[in-house]
Amino acid sequence: MAGHNKWSKVKRLKAVTDDVITTDQGYEVRCNLHAFDQVAHALEKAGRSPASSELAYIPTSTVPVTDAAKDRAVGQLHDTLEELDDVQAVFSNEEMDEAGRDHPHV
């Protein structure tokens, strides 16, 4: 796989990344918060400047929400929080059915 060979050239990253997800659009590199700058510099040195980079909190465990009323309430809470001027992003660990959602959020 050509993409895998390209990634293997960035040997320094193997020690500091938690996961590398390959998609049709490219790679998603996940790492510890404290390794973010190290990963970014290693990518640049390898000539692989990312199209974008961001810090995001990804839960290590999730809580399923199966009740439709709770699903709507949590979605409304996220919407309300995201509308606040002081809020840049909202992260959570609930796991909801995406197909039946009225209020998508991060």
Protein backbone atom coordinates (compact mmCIF):
# COMPACT_ATOMS: atom_id res chain seq x y z
CA MET A 1 0.00 0.00 0.00
CA ALA A 2 1.60 3.24 -1.16
CA GLY A 3 0.22 5.37 1.69
CA HIS A 4 1.63 2.99 4.26
CA ASN A 5 5.11 3.24 2.70
CA LYS A 6 4.94 7.03 2.83
CA TRP A 7 3.98 6.90 6.50
CA SER A 8 6.79 4.49 7.39
CA LYS A 9 9.31 7.16 6.35
CA VAL A 10 8.27 9.19 9.39
CA LYS A 11 9.91 6.78 11.85
CA ARG A 12 10.25 9.29 14.67
CA LEU A 13 6.49 9.56 15.00
CA LYS A 14 5.96 5.91 15.91
CA ALA A 15 7.13 6.51 19.46
CA VAL A 16 4.85 9.49 20.16
CA THR A 17 1.65 8.73 18.27
CA ASP A 18 -1.22 6.78 19.75
CA ASP A 19 -2.92 5.97 16.46
CA VAL A 20 -2.72 6.73 12.73
CA ILE A 21 -6.00 6.43 10.86
CA THR A 22 -5.85 6.20 7.07
CA THR A 23 -8.77 7.63 5.09
CA ASP A 24 -9.41 8.50 1.44
CA GLN A 25 -8.58 12.12 2.32
CA GLY A 26 -5.26 11.28 4.00
CA TYR A 27 -4.20 10.50 7.55
CA GLU A 28 -5.53 11.34 10.98
CA VAL A 29 -2.73 11.23 13.52
CA ARG A 30 -3.74 10.90 17.16
CA CYS A 31 -1.30 11.58 19.95
CA ASN A 32 -1.05 12.68 23.54
CA LEU A 33 -1.59 16.39 24.12
CA HIS A 34 2.04 16.77 25.23
CA ALA A 35 3.34 15.18 22.01
CA PHE A 36 1.37 17.48 19.66
CA ASP A 37 4.26 19.87 18.91
CA GLN A 38 6.73 17.01 18.52
CA VAL A 39 4.44 15.29 16.01
CA ALA A 40 3.88 18.52 14.09
CA HIS A 41 7.65 19.19 13.84
CA ALA A 42 8.40 15.61 12.80
CA LEU A 43 5.80 15.84 10.03
CA GLU A 44 7.29 19.11 8.78
CA LYS A 45 10.83 17.67 8.81
CA ALA A 46 9.59 14.70 6.80
CA GLY A 47 8.04 17.07 4.24
CA ARG A 48 4.49 16.12 5.24
CA SER A 49 2.97 19.39 6.39
CA PRO A 50 -0.62 18.73 7.44
CA ALA A 51 -3.51 20.42 5.65
CA SER A 52 -4.90 21.14 9.11
CA SER A 53 -4.15 20.37 12.72
CA GLU A 54 -6.11 20.80 15.89
CA LEU A 55 -6.33 19.72 19.48
CA ALA A 56 -9.42 17.67 20.22
CA TYR A 57 -10.47 15.66 23.21
CA ILE A 58 -11.36 12.11 22.23
CA PRO A 59 -13.01 10.09 25.00
CA THR A 60 -11.41 6.86 26.12
CA SER A 61 -14.84 5.56 27.11
CA THR A 62 -18.33 6.51 25.96
CA VAL A 63 -21.78 6.36 27.51
CA PRO A 64 -24.64 5.22 25.26
CA VAL A 65 -27.71 7.47 25.15
CA THR A 66 -30.64 5.46 23.80
CA ASP A 67 -33.58 7.51 25.10
CA ALA A 68 -34.88 9.97 22.45
CA ALA A 69 -35.79 12.64 25.02
CA LYS A 70 -32.33 12.49 26.60
CA ASP A 71 -30.78 12.55 23.13
CA ARG A 72 -32.64 15.79 22.32
CA ALA A 73 -31.81 17.31 25.72
CA VAL A 74 -28.10 16.59 25.34
CA GLY A 75 -28.16 17.93 21.78
CA GLN A 76 -29.87 21.12 22.96
CA LEU A 77 -27.31 21.49 25.76
CA HIS A 78 -24.49 21.24 23.23
CA ASP A 79 -26.19 23.76 20.93
CA THR A 80 -26.63 26.19 23.82
CA LEU A 81 -23.02 25.82 24.94
CA GLU A 82 -21.69 26.29 21.40
CA GLU A 83 -23.65 29.54 21.03
CA LEU A 84 -21.86 31.14 23.99
CA ASP A 85 -19.20 33.66 22.98
CA ASP A 86 -16.63 32.27 25.41
CA VAL A 87 -16.98 28.67 24.17
CA GLN A 88 -14.67 27.61 21.34
CA ALA A 89 -15.56 23.91 21.20
CA VAL A 90 -17.72 21.38 23.05
CA PHE A 91 -16.49 17.85 23.68
CA SER A 92 -18.40 15.02 25.29
CA ASN A 93 -18.38 11.27 25.75
CA GLU A 94 -21.98 10.33 25.02
CA GLU A 95 -22.64 7.94 22.18
CA MET A 96 -25.86 8.66 20.32
CA ASP A 97 -27.57 7.24 17.27
CA GLU A 98 -26.49 9.60 14.48
CA ALA A 99 -29.36 8.59 12.18
CA GLY A 100 -32.08 9.83 14.49
CA ARG A 101 -30.42 12.98 15.78
CA ASP A 102 -31.97 16.42 15.56
CA HIS A 103 -29.02 18.19 17.19
CA PRO A 104 -25.60 17.11 15.88
CA HIS A 105 -22.57 18.28 17.85
CA VAL A 106 -18.84 17.66 18.27
